[in-house]
């Protein structure tokens, strides 16, 4: 009995509807020092999951910055007085008292 070569999984075609959980293989270039630090934390098996999480967090931060830029463009910059009030309110919040 001869063994048949395994079929490579078929990736979705460009523009095809896919689940957010569908994985796609990409090639990225990373600094050797970055790779070493990630592997030290995750081992080689969880490398992709760690990088995926890091990219997802960066995209969330980018979305927040985009929203702030849009609001600043529409409403103008936050005044020094409003910023001082926000800092004061944050300092008095439950978040800091429970720490």
N, C-alpha and C. Protein backbone atom coordinates (compact mmCIF):
# COMPACT_ATOMS: atom_id res chain seq x y z
N UNK A 1 0.85 -1.18 0.00
CA UNK A 1 0.00 0.00 0.00
C UNK A 1 0.89 1.24 0.00
N UNK A 2 0.68 2.12 -0.94
CA UNK A 2 1.47 3.34 -1.01
C UNK A 2 0.75 4.45 -0.28
N UNK A 3 1.52 5.29 0.38
CA UNK A 3 0.89 6.40 1.09
C UNK A 3 0.74 7.58 0.16
N UNK A 4 -0.39 8.20 0.25
CA UNK A 4 -0.66 9.38 -0.57
C UNK A 4 -0.18 10.60 0.16
N UNK A 5 0.38 11.58 -0.57
CA UNK A 5 0.80 12.81 0.11
C UNK A 5 -0.42 13.52 0.69
N UNK A 6 -0.19 14.14 1.82
CA UNK A 6 -1.27 14.90 2.45
C UNK A 6 -1.60 16.12 1.61
N UNK A 7 -2.89 16.42 1.51
CA UNK A 7 -3.31 17.62 0.80
C UNK A 7 -3.09 18.83 1.70
N UNK A 8 -2.60 19.90 1.10
CA UNK A 8 -2.48 21.15 1.83
C UNK A 8 -3.87 21.72 2.03
N UNK A 9 -4.13 22.29 3.20
CA UNK A 9 -5.46 22.90 3.39
C UNK A 9 -5.64 24.06 2.42
N UNK A 10 -6.82 24.17 1.89
CA UNK A 10 -7.13 25.23 0.94
C UNK A 10 -7.46 26.51 1.69
N UNK A 11 -6.75 27.59 1.37
CA UNK A 11 -7.01 28.88 1.99
C UNK A 11 -8.18 29.55 1.29
N UNK A 12 -8.93 30.37 2.02
CA UNK A 12 -10.06 31.06 1.39
C UNK A 12 -9.57 32.00 0.29
N UNK A 13 -10.36 32.11 -0.77
CA UNK A 13 -9.99 33.03 -1.84
C UNK A 13 -10.25 34.46 -1.41
N UNK A 14 -9.54 35.37 -2.03
CA UNK A 14 -9.67 36.80 -1.71
C UNK A 14 -11.12 37.23 -1.83
N UNK A 15 -11.63 37.87 -0.80
CA UNK A 15 -12.99 38.40 -0.81
C UNK A 15 -14.06 37.39 -0.41
N UNK A 16 -13.68 36.12 -0.24
CA UNK A 16 -14.67 35.12 0.16
C UNK A 16 -15.04 35.33 1.63
N UNK A 17 -16.31 35.12 1.99
CA UNK A 17 -16.70 35.28 3.40
C UNK A 17 -16.01 34.21 4.25
N UNK A 18 -15.41 34.65 5.34
CA UNK A 18 -14.74 33.72 6.24
C UNK A 18 -15.08 34.08 7.68
N UNK A 19 -14.95 33.12 8.54
CA UNK A 19 -15.14 33.34 9.96
C UNK A 19 -13.96 34.13 10.50
N UNK A 20 -14.15 34.97 11.52
CA UNK A 20 -13.02 35.68 12.12
C UNK A 20 -11.99 34.72 12.71
N UNK A 21 -12.40 33.48 12.97
CA UNK A 21 -11.50 32.51 13.55
C UNK A 21 -10.74 31.69 12.52
N UNK A 22 -11.01 31.92 11.24
CA UNK A 22 -10.27 31.22 10.20
C UNK A 22 -8.84 31.72 10.20
N UNK A 23 -7.89 30.81 10.19
CA UNK A 23 -6.49 31.23 10.17
C UNK A 23 -6.00 31.33 8.74
N UNK A 24 -5.07 32.23 8.54
CA UNK A 24 -4.44 32.44 7.24
C UNK A 24 -2.94 32.46 7.47
N UNK A 25 -2.23 31.74 6.62
CA UNK A 25 -0.78 31.68 6.75
C UNK A 25 -0.16 32.91 6.07
N UNK A 26 0.68 33.62 6.81
CA UNK A 26 1.40 34.79 6.29
C UNK A 26 2.87 34.64 6.66
N UNK A 27 3.72 35.25 5.90
CA UNK A 27 5.14 35.28 6.23
C UNK A 27 5.47 36.68 6.72
N UNK A 28 6.09 36.77 7.88
CA UNK A 28 6.50 38.06 8.42
C UNK A 28 7.99 38.00 8.75
N UNK A 29 8.60 39.15 8.78
CA UNK A 29 10.00 39.26 9.13
C UNK A 29 10.09 39.94 10.48
N UNK A 30 10.73 39.29 11.44
CA UNK A 30 10.87 39.81 12.79
C UNK A 30 12.35 39.86 13.16
N UNK A 31 12.68 40.77 14.06
CA UNK A 31 14.05 40.82 14.57
C UNK A 31 14.34 39.55 15.36
N UNK A 32 15.55 39.07 15.24
CA UNK A 32 15.97 37.86 15.95
C UNK A 32 15.76 38.01 17.45
N UNK A 33 16.05 39.20 17.98
CA UNK A 33 15.89 39.43 19.42
C UNK A 33 14.42 39.35 19.83
N UNK A 34 13.51 39.80 18.97
CA UNK A 34 12.08 39.72 19.26
C UNK A 34 11.63 38.26 19.26
N UNK A 35 12.06 37.50 18.27
CA UNK A 35 11.71 36.09 18.19
C UNK A 35 12.20 35.35 19.44
N UNK A 36 13.43 35.63 19.85
CA UNK A 36 13.98 34.96 21.03
C UNK A 36 13.17 35.28 22.28
N UNK A 37 12.76 36.52 22.43
CA UNK A 37 11.97 36.90 23.61
C UNK A 37 10.60 36.25 23.61
N UNK A 38 9.94 36.20 22.44
CA UNK A 38 8.62 35.56 22.36
C UNK A 38 8.76 34.07 22.66
N UNK A 39 9.73 33.41 22.04
CA UNK A 39 9.90 31.98 22.26
C UNK A 39 10.26 31.68 23.71
N UNK A 40 10.98 32.59 24.37
CA UNK A 40 11.30 32.39 25.78
C UNK A 40 10.03 32.40 26.62
N UNK A 41 9.03 33.16 26.21
CA UNK A 41 7.77 33.22 26.95
C UNK A 41 6.82 32.10 26.57
N UNK A 42 6.82 31.72 25.31
CA UNK A 42 5.77 30.83 24.82
C UNK A 42 6.25 29.45 24.39
N UNK A 43 7.52 29.30 24.13
CA UNK A 43 7.98 28.10 23.44
C UNK A 43 7.61 28.25 21.98
N UNK A 44 8.08 27.36 21.15
CA UNK A 44 7.84 27.52 19.71
C UNK A 44 6.40 27.17 19.31
N UNK A 45 5.69 26.37 20.11
CA UNK A 45 4.33 25.94 19.74
C UNK A 45 3.31 27.07 19.80
N UNK A 46 3.44 27.97 20.75
CA UNK A 46 2.44 29.03 20.92
C UNK A 46 2.88 30.36 20.33
N UNK A 47 3.91 30.35 19.53
CA UNK A 47 4.46 31.57 18.95
C UNK A 47 3.39 32.33 18.15
N UNK A 48 2.71 31.64 17.25
CA UNK A 48 1.71 32.31 16.39
C UNK A 48 0.58 32.91 17.21
N UNK A 49 0.12 32.19 18.23
CA UNK A 49 -0.97 32.71 19.07
C UNK A 49 -0.53 33.97 19.80
N UNK A 50 0.71 33.99 20.27
CA UNK A 50 1.23 35.16 20.97
C UNK A 50 1.29 36.36 20.03
N UNK A 51 1.82 36.15 18.83
CA UNK A 51 1.93 37.24 17.85
C UNK A 51 0.54 37.70 17.42
N UNK A 52 -0.40 36.76 17.22
CA UNK A 52 -1.76 37.11 16.86
C UNK A 52 -2.40 38.00 17.92
N UNK A 53 -2.20 37.64 19.20
CA UNK A 53 -2.73 38.45 20.29
C UNK A 53 -2.11 39.83 20.34
N UNK A 54 -0.79 39.90 20.11
CA UNK A 54 -0.10 41.19 20.12
C UNK A 54 -0.62 42.10 19.00
N UNK A 55 -0.81 41.54 17.82
CA UNK A 55 -1.33 42.32 16.70
C UNK A 55 -2.76 42.77 16.98
N UNK A 56 -3.58 41.89 17.56
CA UNK A 56 -4.96 42.26 17.90
C UNK A 56 -4.98 43.42 18.89
N UNK A 57 -4.10 43.38 19.90
CA UNK A 57 -4.04 44.49 20.88
C UNK A 57 -3.59 45.79 20.20
N UNK A 58 -2.63 45.71 19.30
CA UNK A 58 -2.18 46.91 18.60
C UNK A 58 -3.29 47.49 17.73
N UNK A 59 -4.04 46.62 17.06
CA UNK A 59 -5.16 47.11 16.25
C UNK A 59 -6.21 47.79 17.11
N UNK A 60 -6.48 47.26 18.31
CA UNK A 60 -7.43 47.90 19.22
C UNK A 60 -6.92 49.28 19.62
N UNK A 61 -5.62 49.39 19.90
CA UNK A 61 -5.05 50.69 20.26
C UNK A 61 -5.13 51.65 19.07
N UNK A 62 -4.89 51.15 17.86
CA UNK A 62 -5.01 51.99 16.66
C UNK A 62 -6.44 52.50 16.50
N UNK A 63 -7.44 51.63 16.75
CA UNK A 63 -8.84 52.03 16.65
C UNK A 63 -9.17 53.13 17.67
N UNK A 64 -8.64 53.00 18.89
CA UNK A 64 -8.86 54.02 19.91
C UNK A 64 -8.23 55.34 19.47
N UNK A 65 -7.00 55.30 18.95
CA UNK A 65 -6.35 56.53 18.49
C UNK A 65 -7.13 57.16 17.35
N UNK A 66 -7.64 56.34 16.42
CA UNK A 66 -8.45 56.87 15.31
C UNK A 66 -9.69 57.58 15.84
N UNK A 67 -10.35 56.99 16.83
CA UNK A 67 -11.55 57.60 17.42
C UNK A 67 -11.19 58.92 18.10
N UNK A 68 -10.07 58.94 18.83
CA UNK A 68 -9.64 60.17 19.48
C UNK A 68 -9.31 61.26 18.46
N UNK A 69 -8.61 60.87 17.41
CA UNK A 69 -8.26 61.85 16.35
C UNK A 69 -9.51 62.41 15.69
N UNK A 70 -10.49 61.54 15.44
CA UNK A 70 -11.74 61.98 14.81
C UNK A 70 -12.49 62.94 15.73
N UNK A 71 -12.56 62.61 17.02
CA UNK A 71 -13.26 63.46 17.98
C UNK A 71 -12.55 64.79 18.14
N UNK A 72 -11.23 64.76 18.18
CA UNK A 72 -10.47 66.01 18.30
C UNK A 72 -10.67 66.88 17.07
N UNK A 73 -10.73 66.26 15.91
CA UNK A 73 -10.98 67.01 14.68
C UNK A 73 -12.35 67.66 14.66
N UNK A 74 -13.34 66.96 15.21
CA UNK A 74 -14.70 67.47 15.24
C UNK A 74 -14.93 68.47 16.36
N UNK A 75 -14.37 68.17 17.55
CA UNK A 75 -14.70 68.96 18.74
C UNK A 75 -13.57 69.86 19.22
N UNK A 76 -12.38 69.68 18.66
CA UNK A 76 -11.22 70.44 19.12
C UNK A 76 -10.53 69.71 20.26
N UNK A 77 -9.37 70.19 20.65
CA UNK A 77 -8.62 69.52 21.71
C UNK A 77 -9.30 69.65 23.06
N UNK A 78 -8.97 68.72 23.95
CA UNK A 78 -9.49 68.76 25.31
C UNK A 78 -8.78 69.90 26.06
N UNK A 79 -9.54 70.72 26.75
CA UNK A 79 -8.93 71.84 27.47
C UNK A 79 -8.13 71.33 28.67
N UNK A 80 -7.19 72.14 29.11
CA UNK A 80 -6.39 71.79 30.28
C UNK A 80 -7.28 71.59 31.51
N UNK A 81 -8.31 72.41 31.64
CA UNK A 81 -9.22 72.29 32.77
C UNK A 81 -9.98 70.96 32.75
N UNK A 82 -10.49 70.59 31.58
CA UNK A 82 -11.22 69.33 31.46
C UNK A 82 -10.29 68.15 31.72
N UNK A 83 -9.05 68.22 31.25
CA UNK A 83 -8.09 67.14 31.48
C UNK A 83 -7.77 67.02 32.96
N UNK A 84 -7.59 68.15 33.64
CA UNK A 84 -7.30 68.12 35.08
C UNK A 84 -8.48 67.52 35.84
N UNK A 85 -9.69 67.85 35.46
CA UNK A 85 -10.88 67.29 36.10
C UNK A 85 -10.95 65.78 35.88
N UNK A 86 -10.64 65.32 34.66
CA UNK A 86 -10.67 63.89 34.37
C UNK A 86 -9.61 63.15 35.19
N UNK A 87 -8.42 63.71 35.31
CA UNK A 87 -7.36 63.10 36.11
C UNK A 87 -7.78 63.03 37.58
N UNK A 88 -8.39 64.09 38.08
CA UNK A 88 -8.86 64.10 39.47
C UNK A 88 -9.93 63.04 39.68
N UNK A 89 -10.89 62.97 38.77
CA UNK A 89 -11.98 62.00 38.90
C UNK A 89 -11.44 60.57 38.83
N UNK A 90 -10.50 60.33 37.96
CA UNK A 90 -9.92 58.99 37.83
C UNK A 90 -9.19 58.62 39.13
N UNK A 91 -8.47 59.55 39.69
CA UNK A 91 -7.75 59.30 40.93
C UNK A 91 -8.67 58.99 42.10
N UNK A 92 -9.88 59.52 42.06
CA UNK A 92 -10.85 59.28 43.13
C UNK A 92 -11.74 58.07 42.86
N UNK A 93 -11.57 57.43 41.74
CA UNK A 93 -12.46 56.33 41.36
C UNK A 93 -12.19 55.07 42.17
N UNK A 94 -13.14 54.17 42.14
CA UNK A 94 -13.02 52.88 42.81
C UNK A 94 -11.81 52.11 42.31
N UNK A 95 -11.46 52.30 41.06
CA UNK A 95 -10.31 51.58 40.47
C UNK A 95 -9.07 51.74 41.34
N UNK A 96 -8.78 52.96 41.73
CA UNK A 96 -7.56 53.22 42.50
C UNK A 96 -7.72 52.86 43.97
N UNK A 97 -8.92 53.01 44.51
CA UNK A 97 -9.12 52.69 45.93
C UNK A 97 -9.02 51.20 46.22
N UNK A 98 -9.37 50.37 45.23
CA UNK A 98 -9.33 48.93 45.47
C UNK A 98 -7.95 48.35 45.23
N UNK A 99 -7.02 49.11 44.69
CA UNK A 99 -5.69 48.58 44.38
C UNK A 99 -4.82 48.46 45.61
